[in-house]
């Protein structure tokens, strides 16, 4: 199996495993992890944010998106299947994290970003 093929397979497994993509714990920390590669994880702390404000929600959403980008990174943008798999991985990781945080304001922010494309 080539390196690109194995990377695509890893990204597809990551996008299919929502429960491991982003997990939010009770300590106000989110973890982004691709299950195919346990070393690919990102800790997102939002203890410093007030999620009842638009500013706090926007900052958290940016942190979640950034973590998903890092976890689902594309190594070679010339491999279109890898790009598509990474995009699917990111979208699922972001959606899962938003659900896990369980904030109506964050859910509305995510919905607005999805409509914008």
Protein backbone atom coordinates (compact mmCIF):
# COMPACT_ATOMS: atom_id res chain seq x y z
CA UNK A 1 0.00 0.00 0.00
CA UNK A 2 1.42 3.41 -0.95
CA UNK A 3 1.87 6.22 1.52
CA UNK A 4 -0.94 8.24 -0.08
CA UNK A 5 -3.28 5.26 -0.05
CA UNK A 6 -2.57 4.49 3.58
CA UNK A 7 -3.10 8.16 4.49
CA UNK A 8 -6.45 8.18 2.65
CA UNK A 9 -7.47 5.02 4.49
CA UNK A 10 -6.49 6.61 7.80
CA UNK A 11 -8.51 9.74 7.03
CA UNK A 12 -11.54 7.68 6.01
CA UNK A 13 -11.35 5.69 9.25
CA UNK A 14 -11.02 8.97 11.15
CA UNK A 15 -14.07 10.46 9.49
CA UNK A 16 -16.12 7.33 10.20
CA UNK A 17 -15.24 7.21 13.89
CA UNK A 18 -17.12 10.20 15.26
CA UNK A 19 -16.84 9.19 18.87
CA UNK A 20 -13.05 9.46 18.70
CA UNK A 21 -12.85 12.56 16.51
CA UNK A 22 -13.49 15.18 19.18
CA UNK A 23 -14.36 14.32 22.74
CA UNK A 24 -15.36 16.97 25.23
CA UNK A 25 -14.73 16.18 28.86
CA UNK A 26 -16.32 17.57 31.98
CA UNK A 27 -13.23 19.68 32.64
CA UNK A 28 -14.07 22.03 29.76
CA UNK A 29 -11.45 20.57 27.45
CA UNK A 30 -11.97 19.15 23.98
CA UNK A 31 -9.68 16.60 22.39
CA UNK A 32 -9.34 16.07 18.68
CA UNK A 33 -7.96 12.68 17.71
CA UNK A 34 -7.84 10.64 14.56
CA UNK A 35 -8.39 7.05 15.69
CA UNK A 36 -6.09 5.69 12.99
CA UNK A 37 -3.19 7.61 14.49
CA UNK A 38 -3.31 7.94 18.28
CA UNK A 39 -0.50 10.51 18.21
CA UNK A 40 -2.68 12.88 16.18
CA UNK A 41 -4.61 14.60 18.92
CA UNK A 42 -5.21 18.19 19.82
CA UNK A 43 -6.36 19.51 23.17
CA UNK A 44 -8.81 22.40 23.00
CA UNK A 45 -9.37 24.12 26.32
CA UNK A 46 -12.29 26.51 26.60
CA UNK A 47 -12.38 27.00 30.33
CA UNK A 48 -11.39 30.64 29.74
CA UNK A 49 -14.40 31.35 27.50
CA UNK A 50 -17.92 32.49 28.31
CA UNK A 51 -20.14 30.49 25.97
CA UNK A 52 -23.15 32.66 26.75
CA UNK A 53 -21.57 35.44 24.68
CA UNK A 54 -21.13 35.65 20.92
CA UNK A 55 -17.44 36.43 21.31
CA UNK A 56 -16.77 33.38 23.50
CA UNK A 57 -18.71 31.13 21.15
CA UNK A 58 -16.86 32.41 18.07
CA UNK A 59 -13.49 31.87 19.73
CA UNK A 60 -14.39 28.30 20.73
CA UNK A 61 -15.68 27.55 17.24
CA UNK A 62 -12.40 28.81 15.78
CA UNK A 63 -10.44 26.61 18.17
CA UNK A 64 -12.52 23.55 17.22
CA UNK A 65 -12.05 24.22 13.50
CA UNK A 66 -8.32 24.71 13.98
CA UNK A 67 -8.03 21.45 15.93
CA UNK A 68 -9.96 19.57 13.23
CA UNK A 69 -7.64 21.00 10.56
CA UNK A 70 -4.59 19.78 12.46
CA UNK A 71 -6.00 16.32 13.16
CA UNK A 72 -7.32 15.77 9.63
CA UNK A 73 -4.41 17.38 7.79
CA UNK A 74 -3.71 16.61 4.14
CA UNK A 75 -0.13 15.65 3.36
CA UNK A 76 -0.37 15.93 -0.41
CA UNK A 77 -2.97 18.30 -1.86
CA UNK A 78 -2.35 16.80 -5.30
CA UNK A 79 -4.15 13.61 -4.23
CA UNK A 80 -7.79 14.60 -4.59
CA UNK A 81 -9.10 11.56 -2.73
CA UNK A 82 -6.95 12.51 0.25
CA UNK A 83 -8.26 16.09 0.13
CA UNK A 84 -11.85 14.84 0.04
CA UNK A 85 -11.25 12.42 2.90
CA UNK A 86 -9.64 15.18 4.99
CA UNK A 87 -12.57 17.51 4.35
CA UNK A 88 -15.03 14.81 5.42
CA UNK A 89 -12.94 14.09 8.52
CA UNK A 90 -12.89 17.79 9.46
CA UNK A 91 -16.62 18.26 8.92
CA UNK A 92 -17.49 15.25 11.07
CA UNK A 93 -15.01 16.17 13.80
CA UNK A 94 -16.36 19.72 13.98
CA UNK A 95 -19.99 18.57 14.04
CA UNK A 96 -19.25 16.02 16.76
CA UNK A 97 -17.42 18.57 18.91
CA UNK A 98 -20.25 21.07 18.59
CA UNK A 99 -22.76 18.42 19.69
CA UNK A 100 -20.52 17.34 22.57
CA UNK A 101 -20.18 20.87 23.95
CA UNK A 102 -23.99 21.04 24.03
CA UNK A 103 -24.27 24.81 23.63
CA UNK A 104 -27.23 26.15 21.61
CA UNK A 105 -25.21 29.25 20.73
CA UNK A 106 -22.29 27.13 19.46
CA UNK A 107 -24.72 24.97 17.46
CA UNK A 108 -26.17 28.10 15.85
CA UNK A 109 -22.67 29.33 15.03
CA UNK A 110 -21.82 26.00 13.42
CA UNK A 111 -25.07 26.03 11.44
CA UNK A 112 -24.35 29.54 10.16
CA UNK A 113 -20.86 28.50 9.04
CA UNK A 114 -22.27 25.48 7.19
CA UNK A 115 -24.72 27.67 5.26
CA UNK A 116 -21.89 30.01 4.26
CA UNK A 117 -19.88 27.10 2.89
